[in-house]
Amino acid sequence: MGKQRMTDNWERMKAQILSTWGDLDESEMKKARGNLGQMVNLIHSQTGEDRQVIMRKMSAFL
């Protein structure tokens, strides 16, 4: 049950990230899965958006 819930949460989060930052590469997202800092750095490196802004947007997903 726990593993399925984690998978469901990741799929939901991934969908929200892709709808907000659609130009991200899914294979890169898989590498950052479960690591918020890596995900923020990935989004920042792909978009140039400020890290604090990214964190605020991602906080809204949770």
C-alpha atoms as a PDB file:
ATOM      1  CA  MET A   1       0.000   0.000   0.000  1.00  0.00           C
ATOM      2  CA  GLY A   2       2.763   2.477   0.908  1.00  0.00           C
ATOM      3  CA  LYS A   3       4.680   1.906  -2.310  1.00  0.00           C
ATOM      4  CA  GLN A   4       1.542   2.368  -4.402  1.00  0.00           C
ATOM      5  CA  ARG A   5       0.736   5.589  -2.569  1.00  0.00           C
ATOM      6  CA  MET A   6       4.244   6.911  -3.215  1.00  0.00           C
ATOM      7  CA  THR A   7       3.920   6.011  -6.887  1.00  0.00           C
ATOM      8  CA  ASP A   8       0.543   7.742  -7.111  1.00  0.00           C
ATOM      9  CA  ASN A   9       1.926  10.847  -5.396  1.00  0.00           C
ATOM     10  CA  TRP A  10       4.899  10.938  -7.776  1.00  0.00           C
ATOM     11  CA  GLU A  11       2.649  10.612 -10.818  1.00  0.00           C
ATOM     12  CA  ARG A  12       0.452  13.463  -9.559  1.00  0.00           C
ATOM     13  CA  MET A  13       3.469  15.645  -8.772  1.00  0.00           C
ATOM     14  CA  LYS A  14       5.102  14.856 -12.113  1.00  0.00           C
ATOM     15  CA  ALA A  15       1.918  15.824 -13.978  1.00  0.00           C
ATOM     16  CA  GLN A  16       1.754  19.134 -12.107  1.00  0.00           C
ATOM     17  CA  ILE A  17       5.428  19.859 -12.754  1.00  0.00           C
ATOM     18  CA  LEU A  18       5.049  19.118 -16.458  1.00  0.00           C
ATOM     19  CA  SER A  19       1.933  21.276 -16.724  1.00  0.00           C
ATOM     20  CA  THR A  20       3.810  24.171 -15.100  1.00  0.00           C
ATOM     21  CA  TRP A  21       7.212  23.639 -16.744  1.00  0.00           C
ATOM     22  CA  GLY A  22       6.301  21.725 -19.900  1.00  0.00           C
ATOM     23  CA  ASP A  23       9.749  21.876 -21.460  1.00  0.00           C
ATOM     24  CA  LEU A  24      11.331  19.527 -18.916  1.00  0.00           C
ATOM     25  CA  ASP A  25      12.748  16.168 -19.953  1.00  0.00           C
ATOM     26  CA  GLU A  26      10.978  13.264 -18.242  1.00  0.00           C
ATOM     27  CA  SER A  27      14.160  11.176 -18.093  1.00  0.00           C
ATOM     28  CA  GLU A  28      15.881  13.973 -16.169  1.00  0.00           C
ATOM     29  CA  MET A  29      12.870  14.218 -13.865  1.00  0.00           C
ATOM     30  CA  LYS A  30      13.184  10.516 -13.054  1.00  0.00           C
ATOM     31  CA  LYS A  31      16.750  11.086 -11.848  1.00  0.00           C
ATOM     32  CA  ALA A  32      15.561  13.822  -9.457  1.00  0.00           C
ATOM     33  CA  ARG A  33      12.530  11.851  -8.243  1.00  0.00           C
ATOM     34  CA  GLY A  34      12.167  12.062  -4.493  1.00  0.00           C
ATOM     35  CA  ASN A  35      14.783  14.789  -4.117  1.00  0.00           C
ATOM     36  CA  LEU A  36      13.230  18.238  -3.961  1.00  0.00           C
ATOM     37  CA  GLY A  37      16.570  20.041  -4.176  1.00  0.00           C
ATOM     38  CA  GLN A  38      17.567  18.181  -7.329  1.00  0.00           C
ATOM     39  CA  MET A  39      14.155  18.828  -8.887  1.00  0.00           C
ATOM     40  CA  VAL A  40      14.404  22.552  -8.140  1.00  0.00           C
ATOM     41  CA  ASN A  41      17.922  22.643  -9.604  1.00  0.00           C
ATOM     42  CA  LEU A  42      16.735  20.782 -12.704  1.00  0.00           C
ATOM     43  CA  ILE A  43      13.853  23.196 -13.265  1.00  0.00           C
ATOM     44  CA  HIS A  44      16.135  26.163 -12.632  1.00  0.00           C
ATOM     45  CA  SER A  45      18.767  24.904 -15.081  1.00  0.00           C
ATOM     46  CA  GLN A  46      16.148  24.237 -17.768  1.00  0.00           C
ATOM     47  CA  THR A  47      14.110  27.430 -17.357  1.00  0.00           C
ATOM     48  CA  GLY A  48      16.319  29.969 -15.592  1.00  0.00           C
ATOM     49  CA  GLU A  49      13.475  30.646 -13.166  1.00  0.00           C
ATOM     50  CA  ASP A  50      14.459  31.757  -9.663  1.00  0.00           C
ATOM     51  CA  ARG A  51      14.808  28.834  -7.224  1.00  0.00           C
ATOM     52  CA  GLN A  52      12.629  30.506  -4.578  1.00  0.00           C
ATOM     53  CA  VAL A  53       9.830  31.000  -7.104  1.00  0.00           C
ATOM     54  CA  ILE A  54      10.115  27.346  -8.117  1.00  0.00           C
ATOM     55  CA  MET A  55       9.914  26.285  -4.467  1.00  0.00           C
ATOM     56  CA  ARG A  56       6.775  28.381  -3.913  1.00  0.00           C
ATOM     57  CA  LYS A  57       5.094  26.880  -6.964  1.00  0.00           C
ATOM     58  CA  MET A  58       6.046  23.351  -5.947  1.00  0.00           C
ATOM     59  CA  SER A  59       4.820  23.949  -2.393  1.00  0.00           C
ATOM     60  CA  ALA A  60       1.404  24.687  -3.848  1.00  0.00           C
ATOM     61  CA  PHE A  61       1.400  21.185  -5.403  1.00  0.00           C
ATOM     62  CA  LEU A  62       1.779  19.506  -2.024  1.00  0.00           C
END
